[in-house]
Protein backbone atom coordinates (compact mmCIF):
# COMPACT_ATOMS: atom_id res chain seq x y z
CA MET A 1 45.06 228.53 212.11
CA GLU A 2 42.12 226.40 210.97
CA ALA A 3 42.36 222.68 210.50
CA GLY A 4 40.04 220.14 208.94
CA GLY A 5 40.90 216.68 210.29
CA SER A 6 44.68 216.35 210.06
CA ARG A 7 45.01 218.87 207.25
CA CYS A 8 46.15 222.40 208.06
CA VAL A 9 44.18 224.85 205.92
CA LEU A 10 45.59 228.17 207.17
CA GLU A 11 48.96 228.52 208.83
CA SER A 12 50.50 231.46 210.68
CA ILE A 13 48.13 234.01 209.16
CA ASP A 14 48.83 237.54 210.37
CA LEU A 15 46.49 240.04 208.75
CA ASP A 16 45.73 243.60 209.80
CA VAL A 17 43.21 245.56 207.74
CA ALA A 18 42.55 249.23 208.40
CA SER A 19 39.04 250.59 208.68
CA GLY A 20 37.83 251.53 205.21
CA GLU A 21 40.61 249.63 203.43
CA PHE A 22 39.88 247.52 200.35
CA VAL A 23 42.01 244.35 200.28
CA ALA A 24 42.04 241.74 197.51
CA ILE A 25 43.13 238.20 198.38
CA GLU A 26 44.36 236.16 195.43
CA GLY A 27 45.66 232.63 195.10
CA PRO A 28 45.09 229.25 193.46
CA SER A 29 41.98 227.16 194.04
CA GLY A 30 42.19 225.20 197.28
CA SER A 31 44.63 227.60 198.92
CA GLY A 32 42.20 228.48 201.73
CA LYS A 33 40.80 231.79 200.51
CA SER A 34 37.15 231.01 201.25
CA THR A 35 38.15 229.43 204.56
CA LEU A 36 39.92 232.65 205.51
CA LEU A 37 36.76 234.67 204.88
CA ASN A 38 34.73 232.16 206.90
CA VAL A 39 37.18 232.46 209.79
CA ILE A 40 37.00 236.25 209.71
CA ALA A 41 33.19 236.04 209.75
CA ALA A 42 33.28 233.60 212.69
CA ILE A 43 31.54 230.98 210.56
CA GLU A 44 34.46 228.57 211.01
CA PRO A 45 36.41 228.32 214.31
CA VAL A 46 40.17 228.60 214.71
CA ASP A 47 42.49 226.17 216.50
CA ARG A 48 44.88 228.87 217.68
CA GLY A 49 45.22 232.62 217.59
CA GLN A 50 42.65 235.38 217.57
CA VAL A 51 40.15 236.88 215.17
CA GLN A 52 39.28 240.48 215.95
CA VAL A 53 36.84 242.53 213.91
CA ALA A 54 35.82 246.08 214.83
CA ASP A 55 37.45 245.70 218.26
CA VAL A 56 35.47 242.52 219.02
CA GLU A 57 37.30 239.26 219.70
CA LEU A 58 35.18 236.85 217.65
CA SER A 59 37.20 233.72 218.34
CA SER A 60 36.18 233.72 222.00
CA ILE A 61 32.64 235.11 222.22
CA GLY A 62 30.88 231.94 221.02
CA GLU A 63 27.33 231.55 219.78
CA PRO A 64 24.85 233.26 219.61
CA ALA A 65 26.95 236.40 220.17
CA SER A 66 29.04 235.80 217.03
CA THR A 67 25.87 235.31 214.95
CA HIS A 68 24.44 238.59 216.21
CA PHE A 69 27.73 240.37 215.53
CA ARG A 70 27.85 238.97 212.01
CA ARG A 71 24.29 240.08 211.28
CA SER A 72 24.98 243.59 212.57
CA HIS A 73 28.49 244.32 211.32
CA ILE A 74 29.41 242.00 208.44
CA GLY A 75 28.00 241.74 204.93
CA ILE A 76 28.86 238.60 202.97
CA VAL A 77 28.79 238.33 199.17
CA PHE A 78 28.63 234.63 198.32
CA GLN A 79 30.02 233.25 195.07
CA PHE A 80 26.85 231.27 194.41
CA PHE A 81 24.31 233.91 195.49
CA ASN A 82 22.57 232.03 198.39
CA LEU A 83 19.32 233.88 197.83
CA ILE A 84 16.21 232.42 199.49
CA PRO A 85 14.15 231.02 196.59
CA THR A 86 10.75 231.46 198.27
CA LEU A 87 11.31 235.20 198.84
CA THR A 88 11.13 237.96 196.24
CA VAL A 89 14.09 240.21 195.57
CA ARG A 90 12.67 242.87 197.87
CA GLU A 91 12.01 240.31 200.61
CA ASN A 92 15.53 238.91 200.30
CA LEU A 93 16.91 242.41 200.80
CA LEU A 94 14.57 243.22 203.67
CA LEU A 95 15.43 240.03 205.58
CA PRO A 96 18.73 241.28 207.10
CA LEU A 97 16.95 244.46 208.21
CA HIS A 98 14.10 242.41 209.69
CA LEU A 99 16.55 240.28 211.69
CA LEU A 100 18.04 243.49 213.08
CA LYS A 101 14.57 244.93 213.73
CA GLN A 102 15.23 247.78 211.31
CA ARG A 103 12.89 249.27 208.71
CA ASP A 104 14.38 251.02 205.69
CA GLY A 105 12.41 250.47 202.51
CA ASN A 106 14.15 253.47 200.95
CA ARG A 107 17.48 251.65 201.30
CA VAL A 108 16.10 248.74 199.27
CA ASP A 109 14.93 251.04 196.48
CA GLU A 110 18.25 252.93 196.55
CA LEU A 111 20.34 249.78 196.07
CA LEU A 112 18.05 248.28 193.44
CA SER A 113 18.31 251.52 191.50
CA LYS A 114 22.11 251.56 191.72
CA LEU A 115 22.22 247.98 190.46
CA GLU A 116 19.73 248.71 187.66
CA LEU A 117 17.21 246.24 189.08
CA PRO A 118 14.21 248.37 190.14
CA ASP A 119 11.87 246.34 187.92
CA ARG A 120 12.97 243.09 189.59
CA ALA A 121 11.86 243.95 193.15
CA ASP A 122 8.85 241.64 193.07
CA SER A 123 10.53 238.82 191.13
CA PHE A 124 11.65 235.52 192.62
CA PRO A 125 15.31 234.43 192.27
CA ASP A 126 14.53 231.58 189.85
CA VAL A 127 13.50 234.00 187.11
CA LEU A 128 16.63 236.13 187.44
CA SER A 129 19.79 235.67 185.40
CA GLY A 130 23.00 234.73 187.19
CA GLY A 131 24.20 238.31 186.92
CA GLU A 132 20.98 239.66 188.37
CA GLN A 133 21.12 237.20 191.26
CA GLN A 134 24.69 238.21 192.07
CA ARG A 135 23.75 241.88 192.03
CA VAL A 136 20.94 241.13 194.48
CA GLY A 137 23.47 239.23 196.60
CA VAL A 138 25.74 242.28 196.69
CA ALA A 139 22.81 244.51 197.63
CA ARG A 140 21.83 242.11 200.42
CA ALA A 141 25.37 242.22 201.81
CA MET A 142 25.27 246.03 201.85
CA ILE A 143 21.66 246.64 202.89
CA HIS A 144 22.37 247.09 206.62
CA ARG A 145 25.43 249.30 206.05
CA PRO A 146 27.94 246.85 207.57
CA SER A 147 31.35 247.94 208.77
CA VAL A 148 32.95 245.02 206.90
CA ILE A 149 32.09 243.37 203.57
CA LEU A 150 33.53 239.91 202.81
CA ALA A 151 33.20 239.11 199.11
CA ASP A 152 33.94 235.61 197.80
CA GLU A 153 34.57 235.74 194.04
CA PRO A 154 31.86 238.40 193.53
CA THR A 155 32.42 238.47 189.75
CA GLY A 156 33.22 234.80 189.25
CA ASN A 157 29.94 233.95 187.52
CA LEU A 158 29.39 237.24 185.70
CA ASP A 159 30.08 238.62 182.25
CA GLU A 160 32.54 241.49 182.01
CA LYS A 161 29.97 244.30 181.91
CA THR A 162 27.91 242.97 184.83
CA GLY A 163 31.08 242.27 186.80
CA GLU A 164 32.22 245.85 186.35
CA GLY A 165 28.89 247.09 187.70
CA VAL A 166 29.16 244.87 190.78
CA MET A 167 32.75 245.95 191.39
CA ALA A 168 31.80 249.62 191.07
CA LEU A 169 29.29 249.20 193.88
CA ILE A 170 31.79 247.38 196.11
CA THR A 171 34.45 250.00 195.38
CA ASP A 172 32.02 252.80 196.22
CA ALA A 173 31.28 251.12 199.56
CA ALA A 174 34.99 251.09 200.37
CA ARG A 175 35.33 254.76 199.45
CA GLU A 176 32.46 255.53 201.81
CA GLY A 177 34.35 253.90 204.70
CA THR A 178 33.37 250.23 204.59
CA THR A 179 36.22 247.75 205.03
CA VAL A 180 36.26 245.26 202.14
CA LEU A 181 38.05 241.91 201.94
CA MET A 182 37.56 240.27 198.56
CA VAL A 183 38.68 236.87 197.32
CA THR A 184 39.10 236.89 193.55
CA HIS A 185 40.81 235.34 190.55
CA ALA A 186 39.89 238.31 188.35
CA GLU A 187 42.72 240.70 187.58
CA SER A 188 40.35 243.58 186.81
CA ALA A 189 38.60 243.14 190.17
CA ALA A 190 41.83 242.84 192.17
CA ALA A 191 43.22 245.95 190.47
CA ARG A 192 40.54 248.06 192.18
CA ALA A 193 41.82 247.18 195.66
CA ASP A 194 44.05 249.36 197.84
CA ARG A 195 46.19 246.31 198.62
CA ARG A 196 46.64 242.88 197.03
CA LEU A 197 47.70 239.80 198.99
CA LEU A 198 48.55 236.27 197.87
CA LEU A 199 47.38 233.19 199.74
CA ARG A 200 49.26 230.06 198.77
CA GLY A 201 49.76 226.86 200.73
CA GLY A 202 47.85 228.29 203.67
CA ARG A 203 50.23 231.23 204.03
CA LEU A 204 49.52 234.87 203.26
CA SER A 205 52.02 237.22 201.66
CA GLY A 206 51.89 240.67 200.14
């Protein structure tokens, strides 16, 4: 459960996701979908209960251990990109690897090629279209080969064709063994998932 002031945002959530499973979480705006992802990522704390990801109890390890775990094991696709404006596309993608003291320039080129953005490697985010920025955001979430990807409306700001390209990459990651939890309002995106759940009034059903 997570509460903000006197308001209960999530209530009695019981969610088990298998390794490599692709789960879509649907529901109306304000139902707590983004909060649920933030709780799973240990960005927001819980009042009661436990949050366990990859056999690690995140609700009790505290900072900075939860930050290190998130950097190493979780990739987050934000709805509004969250790219660092003073870094180029390549530098945005290399940052997660740098924080983990990894070097893998080939991985950057591989993902940019898959997303049809090889000519944008040296561009800054402000000259990219919304679709291009979101594709870079997806690549950044996947760059360090996380065990879990949390995607918050990954196609919400994209046209149909660009959205399909982003979803193809996320689906491929799930098929390769990455666990994916995706919040979405898009029927076409949710239809790709192995399982679809509904979050309404702070309660999850499926």
